[in-house]
Amino acid sequence: MEDGPAHEGDLARALAEFDSLRRPRCQAIARQARLIARVGADLGGGWRQGLRNATFRLIPASRLVVMARGAVEWTPPDPLTHA
């Protein structure tokens, strides 16, 4: 890639497209992380942990896989091509 003002627009356009492709996925992962934190690290001790653990044991493993699939089975979009 050459440097200079003529190519800065290409870079800005490419970064904007990259951001528009990745942002929805990143936001979904961040929402899921906040939820996990509420029932995980931020839960506190005592009876809450026991209740959480008992509840998680009731969730079928296949459902947990479906919930995690969006983060672990993502395929990145095709690279940008220049005309």
C-alpha atoms as a PDB file:
ATOM      1  CA  MET A   1       0.000   0.000   0.000  1.00  0.00           C
ATOM      2  CA  GLU A   2       1.341   3.395  -0.927  1.00  0.00           C
ATOM      3  CA  ASP A   3       1.362   6.282   1.496  1.00  0.00           C
ATOM      4  CA  GLY A   4      -0.093   9.672   0.797  1.00  0.00           C
ATOM      5  CA  PRO A   5      -3.310  11.652   0.604  1.00  0.00           C
ATOM      6  CA  ALA A   6      -4.696   9.699  -2.377  1.00  0.00           C
ATOM      7  CA  HIS A   7      -4.735   6.491  -0.332  1.00  0.00           C
ATOM      8  CA  GLU A   8      -5.950   7.945   2.965  1.00  0.00           C
ATOM      9  CA  GLY A   9      -9.521   7.931   1.653  1.00  0.00           C
ATOM     10  CA  ASP A  10      -9.181   4.245   0.770  1.00  0.00           C
ATOM     11  CA  LEU A  11      -7.950   3.480   4.273  1.00  0.00           C
ATOM     12  CA  ALA A  12     -10.715   5.505   5.921  1.00  0.00           C
ATOM     13  CA  ARG A  13     -13.324   3.787   3.748  1.00  0.00           C
ATOM     14  CA  ALA A  14     -11.858   0.344   4.502  1.00  0.00           C
ATOM     15  CA  LEU A  15     -11.775   1.028   8.255  1.00  0.00           C
ATOM     16  CA  ALA A  16     -15.373   2.284   8.195  1.00  0.00           C
ATOM     17  CA  GLU A  17     -16.489  -0.851   6.363  1.00  0.00           C
ATOM     18  CA  PHE A  18     -14.530  -3.077   8.727  1.00  0.00           C
ATOM     19  CA  ASP A  19     -16.153  -1.329  11.689  1.00  0.00           C
ATOM     20  CA  SER A  20     -19.645  -1.704  10.229  1.00  0.00           C
ATOM     21  CA  LEU A  21     -19.027  -5.434   9.719  1.00  0.00           C
ATOM     22  CA  ARG A  22     -17.615  -6.152  13.165  1.00  0.00           C
ATOM     23  CA  ARG A  23     -19.560  -3.736  15.400  1.00  0.00           C
ATOM     24  CA  PRO A  24     -22.850  -5.705  15.663  1.00  0.00           C
ATOM     25  CA  ARG A  25     -20.991  -8.868  16.629  1.00  0.00           C
ATOM     26  CA  CYS A  26     -18.794  -7.050  19.136  1.00  0.00           C
ATOM     27  CA  GLN A  27     -21.821  -5.381  20.714  1.00  0.00           C
ATOM     28  CA  ALA A  28     -23.604  -8.729  21.026  1.00  0.00           C
ATOM     29  CA  ILE A  29     -20.535 -10.273  22.675  1.00  0.00           C
ATOM     30  CA  ALA A  30     -20.305  -7.308  25.073  1.00  0.00           C
ATOM     31  CA  ARG A  31     -24.007  -7.703  26.019  1.00  0.00           C
ATOM     32  CA  GLN A  32     -23.467 -11.398  26.647  1.00  0.00           C
ATOM     33  CA  ALA A  33     -20.364 -10.662  28.732  1.00  0.00           C
ATOM     34  CA  ARG A  34     -22.321  -8.210  30.917  1.00  0.00           C
ATOM     35  CA  LEU A  35     -25.020 -10.835  31.481  1.00  0.00           C
ATOM     36  CA  ILE A  36     -22.451 -13.479  32.349  1.00  0.00           C
ATOM     37  CA  ALA A  37     -20.791 -11.062  34.777  1.00  0.00           C
ATOM     38  CA  ARG A  38     -24.125 -10.485  36.537  1.00  0.00           C
ATOM     39  CA  VAL A  39     -24.571 -14.188  37.206  1.00  0.00           C
ATOM     40  CA  GLY A  40     -20.876 -14.894  37.589  1.00  0.00           C
ATOM     41  CA  ALA A  41     -18.265 -12.634  39.098  1.00  0.00           C
ATOM     42  CA  ASP A  42     -20.695  -9.910  40.212  1.00  0.00           C
ATOM     43  CA  LEU A  43     -23.128 -12.322  41.840  1.00  0.00           C
ATOM     44  CA  GLY A  44     -21.588 -12.327  45.282  1.00  0.00           C
ATOM     45  CA  GLY A  45     -21.204 -15.260  47.585  1.00  0.00           C
ATOM     46  CA  GLY A  46     -23.448 -17.431  49.683  1.00  0.00           C
ATOM     47  CA  TRP A  47     -26.803 -18.807  48.584  1.00  0.00           C
ATOM     48  CA  ARG A  48     -26.733 -16.925  45.278  1.00  0.00           C
ATOM     49  CA  GLN A  49     -23.883 -19.051  43.965  1.00  0.00           C
ATOM     50  CA  GLY A  50     -25.635 -22.248  44.965  1.00  0.00           C
ATOM     51  CA  LEU A  51     -28.827 -21.118  43.241  1.00  0.00           C
ATOM     52  CA  ARG A  52     -26.886 -20.128  40.112  1.00  0.00           C
ATOM     53  CA  ASN A  53     -25.069 -23.458  39.993  1.00  0.00           C
ATOM     54  CA  ALA A  54     -28.281 -25.430  40.481  1.00  0.00           C
ATOM     55  CA  THR A  55     -29.974 -23.424  37.734  1.00  0.00           C
ATOM     56  CA  PHE A  56     -27.108 -23.984  35.302  1.00  0.00           C
ATOM     57  CA  ARG A  57     -27.274 -27.719  35.942  1.00  0.00           C
ATOM     58  CA  LEU A  58     -30.879 -27.631  34.683  1.00  0.00           C
ATOM     59  CA  ILE A  59     -29.931 -26.035  31.356  1.00  0.00           C
ATOM     60  CA  PRO A  60     -29.326 -28.637  28.642  1.00  0.00           C
ATOM     61  CA  ALA A  61     -25.782 -28.597  27.276  1.00  0.00           C
ATOM     62  CA  SER A  62     -27.161 -28.210  23.753  1.00  0.00           C
ATOM     63  CA  ARG A  63     -28.787 -24.905  24.774  1.00  0.00           C
ATOM     64  CA  LEU A  64     -25.505 -23.601  26.181  1.00  0.00           C
ATOM     65  CA  VAL A  65     -23.790 -24.498  22.908  1.00  0.00           C
ATOM     66  CA  VAL A  66     -26.414 -22.545  20.958  1.00  0.00           C
ATOM     67  CA  MET A  67     -25.912 -19.547  23.260  1.00  0.00           C
ATOM     68  CA  ALA A  68     -22.135 -19.580  22.724  1.00  0.00           C
ATOM     69  CA  ARG A  69     -22.241 -20.328  19.002  1.00  0.00           C
ATOM     70  CA  GLY A  70     -22.368 -16.676  17.932  1.00  0.00           C
ATOM     71  CA  ALA A  71     -19.016 -15.960  19.526  1.00  0.00           C
ATOM     72  CA  VAL A  72     -17.145 -19.131  18.698  1.00  0.00           C
ATOM     73  CA  GLU A  73     -18.392 -20.031  15.222  1.00  0.00           C
ATOM     74  CA  TRP A  74     -17.997 -16.667  13.557  1.00  0.00           C
ATOM     75  CA  THR A  75     -16.526 -16.534  10.093  1.00  0.00           C
ATOM     76  CA  PRO A  76     -14.915 -13.233   9.160  1.00  0.00           C
ATOM     77  CA  PRO A  77     -16.155 -11.511   6.022  1.00  0.00           C
ATOM     78  CA  ASP A  78     -14.181 -11.700   2.809  1.00  0.00           C
ATOM     79  CA  PRO A  79     -11.279  -9.223   2.638  1.00  0.00           C
ATOM     80  CA  LEU A  80     -11.965  -5.926   0.950  1.00  0.00           C
ATOM     81  CA  THR A  81     -10.843  -5.751  -2.639  1.00  0.00           C
ATOM     82  CA  HIS A  82      -9.788  -2.676  -4.544  1.00  0.00           C
ATOM     83  CA  ALA A  83     -11.144  -2.063  -8.036  1.00  0.00           C
END
